N, C-alpha and C. Protein backbone atom coordinates (compact mmCIF):
# COMPACT_ATOMS: atom_id res chain seq x y z
N MET A 1 226.45 127.33 87.08
CA MET A 1 225.55 126.97 88.27
C MET A 1 224.26 128.38 88.04
N SER A 2 223.19 128.12 88.07
CA SER A 2 222.20 129.09 88.36
C SER A 2 222.15 129.74 89.72
N ASP A 3 221.97 130.90 89.91
CA ASP A 3 221.71 131.65 91.43
C ASP A 3 220.84 130.97 91.86
N ARG A 4 219.70 130.46 91.59
CA ARG A 4 218.72 129.29 92.29
C ARG A 4 219.65 128.11 92.93
N GLU A 5 220.29 127.69 92.12
CA GLU A 5 221.18 126.31 92.50
C GLU A 5 222.35 126.89 93.77
N LYS A 6 223.08 128.19 93.52
CA LYS A 6 223.61 128.66 94.52
C LYS A 6 222.98 129.08 95.52
N LEU A 7 221.84 129.19 95.58
CA LEU A 7 221.16 129.83 96.87
C LEU A 7 220.87 128.57 97.73
N LEU A 8 220.30 127.70 97.19
CA LEU A 8 220.13 126.29 97.43
C LEU A 8 221.45 125.51 98.27
N ILE A 9 222.58 125.50 97.67
CA ILE A 9 223.61 125.33 98.28
C ILE A 9 223.87 126.31 99.54
N ASP A 10 223.62 127.51 99.50
CA ASP A 10 224.17 128.29 100.65
C ASP A 10 223.18 128.00 101.86
N LEU A 11 221.96 127.58 101.31
CA LEU A 11 220.92 127.57 102.49
C LEU A 11 220.98 126.10 102.97
N LYS A 12 221.27 125.20 102.61
CA LYS A 12 222.01 123.91 102.92
C LYS A 12 223.13 123.96 103.86
N ARG A 13 224.16 124.78 103.21
CA ARG A 13 225.39 124.92 104.26
C ARG A 13 225.13 125.96 105.43
N TYR A 14 223.96 126.47 105.53
CA TYR A 14 223.63 127.82 106.49
C TYR A 14 223.60 127.11 107.72
N ILE A 15 223.88 127.53 109.14
CA ILE A 15 223.70 126.74 110.18
C ILE A 15 222.89 127.72 110.79
N PRO A 16 221.85 127.27 111.23
CA PRO A 16 220.53 127.77 111.98
C PRO A 16 221.23 128.07 113.36
N PHE A 17 220.48 129.08 113.61
CA PHE A 17 220.84 129.80 115.24
C PHE A 17 220.26 128.72 116.32
N ASP A 18 218.73 128.22 116.03
CA ASP A 18 217.96 127.54 116.99
C ASP A 18 217.40 126.40 115.77
N SER A 19 216.25 126.02 116.66
CA SER A 19 215.73 124.80 115.96
C SER A 19 214.47 125.41 115.15
N HIS A 20 214.23 126.60 116.06
CA HIS A 20 212.86 127.17 114.98
C HIS A 20 213.35 128.00 113.67
N GLU A 21 214.67 128.40 113.62
CA GLU A 21 215.30 128.65 112.71
C GLU A 21 215.35 127.83 111.76
N LYS A 22 215.88 126.59 112.41
CA LYS A 22 216.28 125.54 111.52
C LYS A 22 214.77 125.16 110.71
N GLU A 23 213.83 125.12 111.10
CA GLU A 23 212.56 124.50 110.75
C GLU A 23 212.39 125.43 109.47
N MET A 24 212.54 126.68 109.67
CA MET A 24 212.29 127.72 108.72
C MET A 24 213.24 127.66 107.45
N VAL A 25 214.35 127.43 107.75
CA VAL A 25 215.48 127.08 106.77
C VAL A 25 214.79 125.72 105.82
N GLY A 26 214.28 124.71 106.38
CA GLY A 26 213.93 123.74 105.60
C GLY A 26 212.77 123.80 105.02
N LYS A 27 212.28 124.72 105.10
CA LYS A 27 210.77 125.12 104.43
C LYS A 27 211.01 125.96 103.11
N VAL A 28 212.25 126.79 103.55
CA VAL A 28 212.22 127.76 102.30
C VAL A 28 212.94 126.81 101.36
N ILE A 29 213.74 126.14 101.83
CA ILE A 29 214.23 125.23 100.61
C ILE A 29 213.52 124.58 99.82
N SER A 30 212.38 123.91 101.07
CA SER A 30 211.45 123.25 99.99
C SER A 30 210.47 124.34 98.96
N LEU A 31 210.32 124.88 99.51
CA LEU A 31 209.60 126.14 98.59
C LEU A 31 210.19 126.43 97.38
N ILE A 32 211.67 126.38 97.57
CA ILE A 32 212.49 127.16 96.33
C ILE A 32 212.77 125.73 95.45
N GLU A 33 212.85 124.54 96.18
CA GLU A 33 212.59 123.07 95.31
C GLU A 33 211.62 122.82 94.71
N ASN A 34 210.43 122.98 95.21
CA ASN A 34 209.34 122.88 94.84
C ASN A 34 208.33 123.78 93.85
N THR A 35 208.94 125.06 93.65
CA THR A 35 207.79 125.94 93.30
C THR A 35 208.78 127.04 92.15
N PRO A 36 208.50 126.86 90.93
CA PRO A 36 209.19 127.48 90.34
C PRO A 36 209.31 129.24 90.33
N ASP A 37 207.93 129.51 90.69
CA ASP A 37 207.69 130.78 90.35
C ASP A 37 207.78 131.60 92.08
N CYS A 38 208.49 130.94 92.78
CA CYS A 38 208.75 131.22 93.97
C CYS A 38 209.18 132.75 94.61
N PHE A 39 209.79 133.02 93.13
CA PHE A 39 210.92 134.18 93.42
C PHE A 39 209.50 135.71 93.37
N HIS A 40 208.43 135.28 92.75
CA HIS A 40 207.75 136.38 92.42
C HIS A 40 206.50 136.49 93.21
N LYS A 41 206.17 137.88 93.41
CA LYS A 41 205.20 138.06 94.73
C LYS A 41 203.78 137.63 94.11
N ASN A 42 203.77 137.27 93.03
CA ASN A 42 202.07 136.66 92.69
C ASN A 42 202.01 135.39 93.03
N CYS A 43 203.36 134.56 93.60
CA CYS A 43 203.41 132.94 94.06
C CYS A 43 202.07 133.16 95.32
N PHE A 44 201.49 132.63 95.62
CA PHE A 44 200.63 132.47 96.68
C PHE A 44 200.48 130.80 97.16
N PRO A 45 200.35 130.38 98.35
CA PRO A 45 200.16 130.94 99.44
C PRO A 45 201.69 131.65 99.99
N ALA A 46 202.95 131.79 99.59
CA ALA A 46 204.11 132.24 100.04
C ALA A 46 205.19 132.36 98.79
N HIS A 47 205.87 132.93 99.05
CA HIS A 47 207.07 133.66 98.19
C HIS A 47 208.43 133.88 98.58
N ILE A 48 209.52 134.13 97.97
CA ILE A 48 210.31 134.46 98.49
C ILE A 48 211.22 135.70 98.64
N THR A 49 211.23 136.08 99.63
CA THR A 49 211.64 137.96 100.06
C THR A 49 213.27 137.86 100.34
N ALA A 50 213.80 139.28 100.39
CA ALA A 50 214.99 139.33 100.70
C ALA A 50 215.34 140.57 101.36
N SER A 51 216.06 140.36 102.72
CA SER A 51 216.19 141.40 103.55
C SER A 51 217.88 142.22 103.51
N ALA A 52 217.87 143.43 104.13
CA ALA A 52 219.21 143.96 104.43
C ALA A 52 219.09 144.00 105.52
N TRP A 53 219.98 143.40 106.65
CA TRP A 53 220.18 143.96 107.79
C TRP A 53 221.79 144.87 107.78
N ILE A 54 221.20 146.36 108.14
CA ILE A 54 222.27 147.00 107.63
C ILE A 54 222.78 147.42 109.06
N ILE A 55 224.08 147.47 109.49
CA ILE A 55 224.69 147.99 110.57
C ILE A 55 225.77 149.08 110.28
N ASP A 56 226.09 150.20 110.63
CA ASP A 56 226.82 151.20 110.39
C ASP A 56 228.24 150.68 110.78
N ASN A 57 229.18 151.64 110.18
CA ASN A 57 230.40 151.25 110.08
C ASN A 57 231.28 150.95 111.18
N GLY A 58 230.50 151.71 112.46
CA GLY A 58 231.04 151.86 113.92
C GLY A 58 230.39 150.64 114.54
N LEU A 59 229.71 149.97 114.10
CA LEU A 59 228.94 148.63 114.62
C LEU A 59 228.13 149.06 115.64
N THR A 60 227.61 150.06 115.79
CA THR A 60 226.93 150.91 116.92
C THR A 60 225.23 150.93 116.70
N HIS A 61 224.86 150.98 115.62
CA HIS A 61 223.73 151.40 114.82
C HIS A 61 222.97 150.33 113.81
N LEU A 62 221.68 150.25 113.71
CA LEU A 62 221.28 149.53 112.70
C LEU A 62 220.37 150.22 111.99
N LEU A 63 220.12 150.37 110.74
CA LEU A 63 219.35 151.11 110.17
C LEU A 63 217.81 150.52 110.02
N PHE A 64 216.78 151.01 110.26
CA PHE A 64 215.20 150.78 110.26
C PHE A 64 214.25 151.71 109.42
N THR A 65 213.30 151.08 109.05
CA THR A 65 212.22 151.58 108.29
C THR A 65 210.76 151.43 108.91
N HIS A 66 209.95 152.34 109.15
CA HIS A 66 209.06 152.35 109.89
C HIS A 66 207.78 152.05 108.60
N HIS A 67 207.72 151.09 108.37
CA HIS A 67 207.04 150.41 107.49
C HIS A 67 205.67 151.03 107.20
N LYS A 68 205.15 151.34 106.14
CA LYS A 68 203.64 151.97 106.11
C LYS A 68 202.54 151.06 106.04
N LYS A 69 202.66 149.59 105.21
CA LYS A 69 201.68 148.67 105.04
C LYS A 69 201.73 148.19 106.45
N LEU A 70 202.73 147.80 106.98
CA LEU A 70 202.57 147.02 108.12
C LEU A 70 202.52 147.71 109.24
N ASN A 71 203.18 149.17 109.48
CA ASN A 71 203.06 150.16 110.44
C ASN A 71 203.90 149.51 111.62
N LYS A 72 205.13 148.83 111.19
CA LYS A 72 206.00 148.42 112.31
C LYS A 72 207.56 148.83 112.00
N TRP A 73 208.38 149.14 112.49
CA TRP A 73 209.47 149.02 112.27
C TRP A 73 210.43 147.97 112.23
N LEU A 74 211.05 147.92 111.03
CA LEU A 74 211.79 146.79 110.49
C LEU A 74 212.76 146.72 109.63
N GLN A 75 213.71 146.04 109.59
CA GLN A 75 214.99 146.26 108.43
C GLN A 75 214.54 146.27 107.02
N LEU A 76 215.19 146.70 106.24
CA LEU A 76 214.63 146.99 104.80
C LEU A 76 214.89 145.65 104.24
N GLY A 77 214.02 145.72 103.15
CA GLY A 77 213.86 144.53 102.31
C GLY A 77 212.54 144.49 101.54
N GLY A 78 212.57 143.54 100.78
CA GLY A 78 211.16 143.29 100.32
C GLY A 78 211.15 142.04 98.76
N HIS A 79 210.23 142.24 98.02
CA HIS A 79 210.06 141.22 97.39
C HIS A 79 211.17 140.95 96.07
N ALA A 80 211.48 139.92 95.80
CA ALA A 80 212.50 139.76 95.20
C ALA A 80 212.16 139.74 93.39
N ASP A 81 211.15 140.09 93.56
CA ASP A 81 210.88 140.59 91.64
C ASP A 81 211.55 139.61 90.74
N GLY A 82 211.09 138.40 91.09
CA GLY A 82 212.02 137.56 90.05
C GLY A 82 213.52 137.11 89.88
N GLU A 83 214.03 138.07 90.95
CA GLU A 83 215.58 137.93 91.01
C GLU A 83 215.91 136.63 92.13
N GLU A 84 216.70 135.84 91.32
CA GLU A 84 217.12 134.61 92.49
C GLU A 84 218.36 135.17 92.96
N ASN A 85 218.94 135.84 92.65
CA ASN A 85 220.40 136.20 93.54
C ASN A 85 219.61 137.46 94.52
N LEU A 86 219.70 136.60 95.95
CA LEU A 86 219.09 137.41 96.48
C LEU A 86 219.71 138.10 97.35
N VAL A 87 221.06 138.33 97.34
CA VAL A 87 222.14 139.52 97.83
C VAL A 87 221.84 140.30 96.86
N ASN A 88 221.46 140.31 95.63
CA ASN A 88 221.39 141.17 94.81
C ASN A 88 220.15 142.04 94.90
N ALA A 89 218.74 141.31 95.47
CA ALA A 89 217.64 141.82 95.67
C ALA A 89 217.68 142.51 96.98
N ALA A 90 218.35 142.41 97.94
CA ALA A 90 218.01 142.37 99.30
C ALA A 90 219.29 144.00 99.05
N ALA A 91 219.88 144.16 98.43
CA ALA A 91 220.95 145.25 98.34
C ALA A 91 219.98 146.47 97.47
N ARG A 92 219.08 145.89 96.20
CA ARG A 92 218.35 146.50 95.45
C ARG A 92 217.11 147.49 96.66
N GLU A 93 216.76 146.76 96.85
CA GLU A 93 215.99 147.20 98.09
C GLU A 93 216.04 148.05 99.17
N ALA A 94 217.46 147.98 99.65
CA ALA A 94 217.98 148.89 100.51
C ALA A 94 217.91 150.06 99.84
N LEU A 95 218.64 149.74 98.88
CA LEU A 95 218.88 151.12 97.78
C LEU A 95 217.54 152.05 97.84
N GLU A 96 216.51 151.17 97.39
CA GLU A 96 215.33 151.88 96.47
C GLU A 96 214.58 152.48 98.20
N GLU A 97 214.68 151.70 99.31
CA GLU A 97 214.39 152.41 100.54
C GLU A 97 214.91 153.20 101.41
N SER A 98 216.26 153.62 100.95
CA SER A 98 216.96 154.27 101.86
C SER A 98 217.72 155.58 101.32
N GLY A 99 218.19 155.33 99.59
CA GLY A 99 218.69 156.18 99.04
C GLY A 99 220.18 155.74 99.23
N LEU A 100 220.52 154.96 100.59
CA LEU A 100 222.02 154.68 100.67
C LEU A 100 223.05 154.45 99.56
N LYS A 101 223.85 154.61 99.26
CA LYS A 101 224.84 154.38 98.03
C LYS A 101 225.68 153.59 98.59
N SER A 102 226.32 153.87 99.80
CA SER A 102 227.62 153.54 100.64
C SER A 102 227.06 151.74 101.13
N VAL A 103 225.84 151.15 100.96
CA VAL A 103 225.65 149.68 101.40
C VAL A 103 226.41 148.85 100.63
N GLN A 104 227.19 148.10 101.23
CA GLN A 104 227.60 147.01 101.05
C GLN A 104 227.65 145.88 101.74
N LEU A 105 227.82 144.48 100.87
CA LEU A 105 227.50 143.12 101.97
C LEU A 105 228.68 143.33 102.80
N ALA A 106 228.26 142.99 104.09
CA ALA A 106 229.57 142.82 105.02
C ALA A 106 230.50 141.75 104.70
N SER A 107 231.66 142.19 104.82
CA SER A 107 232.99 141.15 104.80
C SER A 107 232.32 139.93 105.30
N PRO A 108 233.21 138.92 104.71
CA PRO A 108 233.16 137.37 105.29
C PRO A 108 233.48 137.19 106.59
N GLY A 109 234.47 137.99 107.33
CA GLY A 109 234.67 137.67 108.59
C GLY A 109 233.31 138.37 109.74
N MET A 110 232.51 139.11 109.13
CA MET A 110 230.93 139.09 109.56
C MET A 110 230.35 138.38 109.50
N GLN A 111 230.17 137.55 108.13
CA GLN A 111 229.00 136.80 108.34
C GLN A 111 228.98 135.51 108.93
N LEU A 112 227.52 135.02 109.52
CA LEU A 112 227.57 133.66 110.25
C LEU A 112 227.71 132.58 109.15
N ALA A 113 228.09 131.61 109.64
CA ALA A 113 228.11 130.28 108.98
C ALA A 113 228.44 129.92 107.72
N GLY A 114 229.32 130.81 107.43
CA GLY A 114 230.04 130.76 106.17
C GLY A 114 229.17 130.82 104.52
N SER A 115 227.88 131.06 104.68
CA SER A 115 226.89 130.94 103.43
C SER A 115 226.99 132.17 102.85
N GLY A 116 226.95 133.47 103.70
CA GLY A 116 227.07 134.32 103.54
C GLY A 116 225.13 134.98 103.99
N ILE A 117 224.59 133.97 104.13
CA ILE A 117 223.30 134.26 104.65
C ILE A 117 223.07 134.90 106.39
N PHE A 118 222.70 135.70 106.60
CA PHE A 118 222.81 136.23 108.11
C PHE A 118 221.42 135.51 109.04
N ASP A 119 220.26 135.39 108.21
CA ASP A 119 219.12 135.01 108.86
C ASP A 119 218.52 134.17 108.07
N VAL A 120 217.35 133.30 108.40
CA VAL A 120 216.33 133.12 107.46
C VAL A 120 215.28 133.40 108.46
N ASP A 121 213.81 133.88 107.80
CA ASP A 121 212.76 134.00 108.60
C ASP A 121 211.24 133.58 107.64
N ILE A 122 210.25 133.72 108.52
CA ILE A 122 209.18 132.93 107.79
C ILE A 122 208.11 133.92 108.29
N HIS A 123 207.30 134.74 107.91
CA HIS A 123 206.22 135.41 108.82
C HIS A 123 205.37 135.61 107.72
N GLU A 124 203.80 135.99 108.36
CA GLU A 124 202.62 136.12 107.82
C GLU A 124 202.57 137.67 107.65
N ILE A 125 201.97 137.80 106.35
CA ILE A 125 201.56 139.19 106.04
C ILE A 125 200.25 139.19 105.80
N PRO A 126 199.28 140.28 106.38
CA PRO A 126 198.03 139.99 106.53
C PRO A 126 197.60 140.56 105.18
N ALA A 127 196.26 140.39 104.91
CA ALA A 127 195.51 140.48 103.89
C ALA A 127 195.28 141.86 103.40
N ARG A 128 195.50 142.60 102.40
CA ARG A 128 195.16 144.41 102.18
C ARG A 128 194.87 144.07 100.52
N LYS A 129 193.40 144.75 100.49
CA LYS A 129 193.00 145.07 99.59
C LYS A 129 192.69 143.83 98.51
N ASP A 130 193.40 143.53 97.63
CA ASP A 130 192.84 142.61 96.70
C ASP A 130 194.26 141.60 96.72
N VAL A 131 195.08 141.69 98.00
CA VAL A 131 195.93 140.75 97.86
C VAL A 131 195.75 139.75 99.52
N PRO A 132 195.51 138.67 99.13
CA PRO A 132 195.01 137.64 100.28
C PRO A 132 196.30 137.47 101.19
N ALA A 133 195.86 136.90 102.40
CA ALA A 133 197.07 136.64 103.56
C ALA A 133 197.95 135.71 102.90
N HIS A 134 199.19 135.80 103.41
CA HIS A 134 200.36 135.42 102.75
C HIS A 134 201.71 135.40 103.40
N TYR A 135 202.68 134.48 103.06
CA TYR A 135 203.81 134.12 103.97
C TYR A 135 205.07 134.73 102.90
N HIS A 136 206.05 135.37 104.01
CA HIS A 136 207.54 136.14 103.40
C HIS A 136 208.26 134.74 103.94
N TYR A 137 208.95 134.14 102.90
CA TYR A 137 209.94 133.35 103.09
C TYR A 137 211.14 134.09 102.73
N ASP A 138 211.83 134.97 103.89
CA ASP A 138 212.63 135.72 104.19
C ASP A 138 213.90 135.08 104.11
N VAL A 139 215.26 135.61 103.43
CA VAL A 139 216.84 135.24 103.33
C VAL A 139 217.06 136.80 103.55
N ARG A 140 218.02 136.79 104.38
CA ARG A 140 218.54 138.11 104.98
C ARG A 140 220.34 137.92 105.28
N TYR A 141 220.50 138.95 104.73
CA TYR A 141 221.95 139.46 104.45
C TYR A 141 222.79 140.44 105.30
N LEU A 142 223.69 140.46 105.79
CA LEU A 142 224.26 141.51 106.74
C LEU A 142 224.96 142.40 105.64
N PHE A 143 224.96 143.64 106.01
CA PHE A 143 225.36 144.75 104.99
C PHE A 143 225.89 146.05 106.15
N LYS A 144 226.60 146.84 105.69
CA LYS A 144 227.21 147.92 106.36
C LYS A 144 227.19 149.22 105.41
N ALA A 145 226.91 150.41 106.14
CA ALA A 145 226.53 151.72 105.40
C ALA A 145 227.19 152.56 106.16
N ASP A 146 227.38 153.70 105.43
CA ASP A 146 227.83 155.14 106.45
C ASP A 146 226.58 155.48 106.89
N LYS A 147 226.82 155.79 108.06
CA LYS A 147 225.55 156.08 108.91
C LYS A 147 225.29 157.78 108.85
N ASP A 148 226.58 158.88 108.22
CA ASP A 148 226.39 159.91 108.19
C ASP A 148 225.79 160.39 106.68
N GLU A 149 225.78 159.30 105.89
CA GLU A 149 225.29 159.36 104.35
C GLU A 149 223.75 159.91 104.29
N PRO A 150 222.96 160.92 103.91
CA PRO A 150 221.86 161.27 104.02
C PRO A 150 220.56 160.14 103.81
N LEU A 151 219.93 160.16 104.54
CA LEU A 151 218.72 158.96 104.16
C LEU A 151 217.60 159.67 103.29
N VAL A 152 217.18 158.57 102.14
CA VAL A 152 216.03 159.25 101.44
C VAL A 152 214.55 158.14 101.92
N VAL A 153 213.66 158.68 102.24
CA VAL A 153 212.65 157.95 102.66
C VAL A 153 211.83 157.71 101.62
N SER A 154 211.51 156.33 101.49
CA SER A 154 210.73 156.02 100.22
C SER A 154 209.41 156.04 100.69
N ASP A 155 208.32 155.92 99.25
CA ASP A 155 206.79 155.83 99.46
C ASP A 155 206.23 154.48 100.30
N GLU A 156 207.39 154.05 100.29
CA GLU A 156 206.98 152.56 101.01
C GLU A 156 207.13 152.96 102.90
N SER A 157 207.58 153.81 103.28
CA SER A 157 207.94 154.28 104.60
C SER A 157 207.26 155.40 105.03
N TYR A 158 207.18 155.27 106.29
CA TYR A 158 206.82 156.62 107.22
C TYR A 158 208.26 157.23 107.65
N ASP A 159 209.03 156.58 107.81
CA ASP A 159 210.41 157.30 108.70
C ASP A 159 211.55 156.00 108.32
N LEU A 160 212.76 156.68 108.37
CA LEU A 160 213.84 155.80 108.49
C LEU A 160 214.67 156.21 109.52
N LYS A 161 215.85 155.33 110.44
CA LYS A 161 215.94 155.71 111.64
C LYS A 161 217.35 154.81 111.58
N TRP A 162 218.46 155.36 112.12
CA TRP A 162 219.40 154.61 112.82
C TRP A 162 219.16 154.11 114.00
N LEU A 163 218.82 153.21 114.59
CA LEU A 163 218.86 152.76 115.84
C LEU A 163 219.99 152.46 116.51
N ASP A 164 220.02 153.22 117.73
CA ASP A 164 221.09 152.30 118.73
C ASP A 164 220.72 151.06 118.97
N ILE A 165 221.81 150.01 118.57
CA ILE A 165 221.61 148.85 118.74
C ILE A 165 220.90 148.64 120.20
N ASN A 166 221.50 149.55 121.18
CA ASN A 166 220.17 148.97 122.58
C ASN A 166 219.35 149.15 122.60
N GLU A 167 218.90 150.09 121.70
CA GLU A 167 217.18 150.68 121.66
C GLU A 167 216.19 149.73 120.72
N VAL A 168 217.00 149.36 120.13
CA VAL A 168 216.25 148.21 118.65
C VAL A 168 215.04 147.53 119.26
N ALA A 169 215.27 146.95 120.46
CA ALA A 169 213.83 146.02 120.99
C ALA A 169 212.99 146.75 121.38
N GLN A 170 213.18 148.51 121.86
CA GLN A 170 211.85 149.21 122.16
C GLN A 170 211.03 149.63 121.06
N TYR A 171 211.62 149.49 119.66
CA TYR A 171 210.85 149.92 118.29
C TYR A 171 210.33 148.48 118.19
N ASN A 172 211.12 147.23 118.10
CA ASN A 172 210.24 145.80 117.69
C ASN A 172 211.18 144.83 118.56
N ASN A 173 210.18 144.32 119.44
CA ASN A 173 210.82 143.27 120.00
C ASN A 173 210.31 141.73 119.51
N ASP A 174 210.11 141.41 118.18
CA ASP A 174 209.54 140.64 117.57
C ASP A 174 210.72 139.74 117.67
N ARG A 175 210.20 138.09 117.57
CA ARG A 175 211.28 137.01 118.01
C ARG A 175 212.52 137.39 116.67
N SER A 176 211.90 137.31 115.75
CA SER A 176 213.04 137.21 114.36
C SER A 176 214.12 138.66 114.74
N ILE A 177 213.48 139.70 115.12
CA ILE A 177 214.46 140.94 115.60
C ILE A 177 215.57 140.52 116.55
N LEU A 178 215.08 139.98 117.60
CA LEU A 178 215.49 139.71 118.77
C LEU A 178 216.57 138.84 118.50
N ARG A 179 216.66 137.80 117.67
CA ARG A 179 217.32 136.53 117.45
C ARG A 179 218.54 137.08 116.45
N MET A 180 218.33 138.14 115.67
CA MET A 180 218.91 138.63 114.66
C MET A 180 219.93 139.54 115.53
N LEU A 181 219.58 140.46 116.50
CA LEU A 181 220.17 140.80 117.68
C LEU A 181 220.88 139.79 118.68
N GLN A 182 220.40 139.00 119.11
CA GLN A 182 221.44 137.78 119.69
C GLN A 182 222.54 137.33 118.92
N LYS A 183 222.43 137.14 117.26
CA LYS A 183 223.63 136.40 116.65
C LYS A 183 224.41 137.79 116.63
N HIS A 184 224.66 138.89 116.75
CA HIS A 184 225.57 139.92 117.13
C HIS A 184 226.39 139.90 118.68
N GLY A 185 225.46 139.11 119.01
CA GLY A 185 225.70 139.30 120.64
C GLY A 185 225.14 140.64 121.32
N PHE A 186 224.37 141.17 120.66
CA PHE A 186 223.85 142.39 121.16
C PHE A 186 222.72 142.39 122.08
N VAL A 187 222.24 140.95 122.09
CA VAL A 187 221.10 140.71 123.26
C VAL A 187 221.96 139.63 123.90
N SER A 188 221.62 139.67 125.21
CA SER A 188 222.30 138.37 125.80
C SER A 188 221.45 137.35 125.94
N ASN A 189 222.40 136.18 126.35
CA ASN A 189 221.72 134.77 126.14
C ASN A 189 220.71 134.87 127.12
N SER A 190 220.70 135.32 128.31
CA SER A 190 219.84 135.35 129.43
C SER A 190 218.50 135.37 128.57
N LYS A 191 218.43 136.31 127.51
CA LYS A 191 217.09 136.46 126.95
C LYS A 191 216.34 135.52 126.01
N SER A 192 217.81 134.65 125.88
CA SER A 192 217.17 133.57 124.91
C SER A 192 216.03 132.77 125.11
N SER A 193 215.13 132.96 126.53
CA SER A 193 214.06 132.24 126.96
C SER A 193 213.04 132.67 126.10
N ILE A 194 212.94 133.78 125.09
CA ILE A 194 212.05 134.25 124.26
C ILE A 194 211.60 133.04 123.10
N TYR A 195 212.66 132.22 123.09
CA TYR A 195 212.40 131.14 121.72
C TYR A 195 211.88 130.19 122.72
């Protein structure tokens, strides 16, 4: 079985958090099924990306990057660069963007929905230089890492920071970030009105 076929099976098994995420999962599946080059960043108007939602071993902090191009605090991740195994792509991006060698996929008991996928999101990327505005169809995985390991800030970031889980929304309160926090139970259900 190819990595693309396995990813499609995982996406079809994945249980979305809400109707909005369910709609995005359907769009990601459609892109993968109908667009042979969707894992390449020159595929427009949309391509597949992979992210690493990294929690420390004590389950109290999440690693965020202050992204230069978007000027936002975000989870680590990026282009698949042709890689159809998105766990590998997310792990590669995490290493490239943080220098952390302790990053590892979270144990199956911490994963949601049994597919290994933690979250799915679609977000627009604004036009920049010669790259038109486009969409990232982002598949996200839950990783763990040692918070005491030194961080190495890449040229894609202004900064890297382990954020206390209770402070993440002060850095980024986008819908998808709050959804991922809520999946962990870090945001109370009373805030679900944001959906």
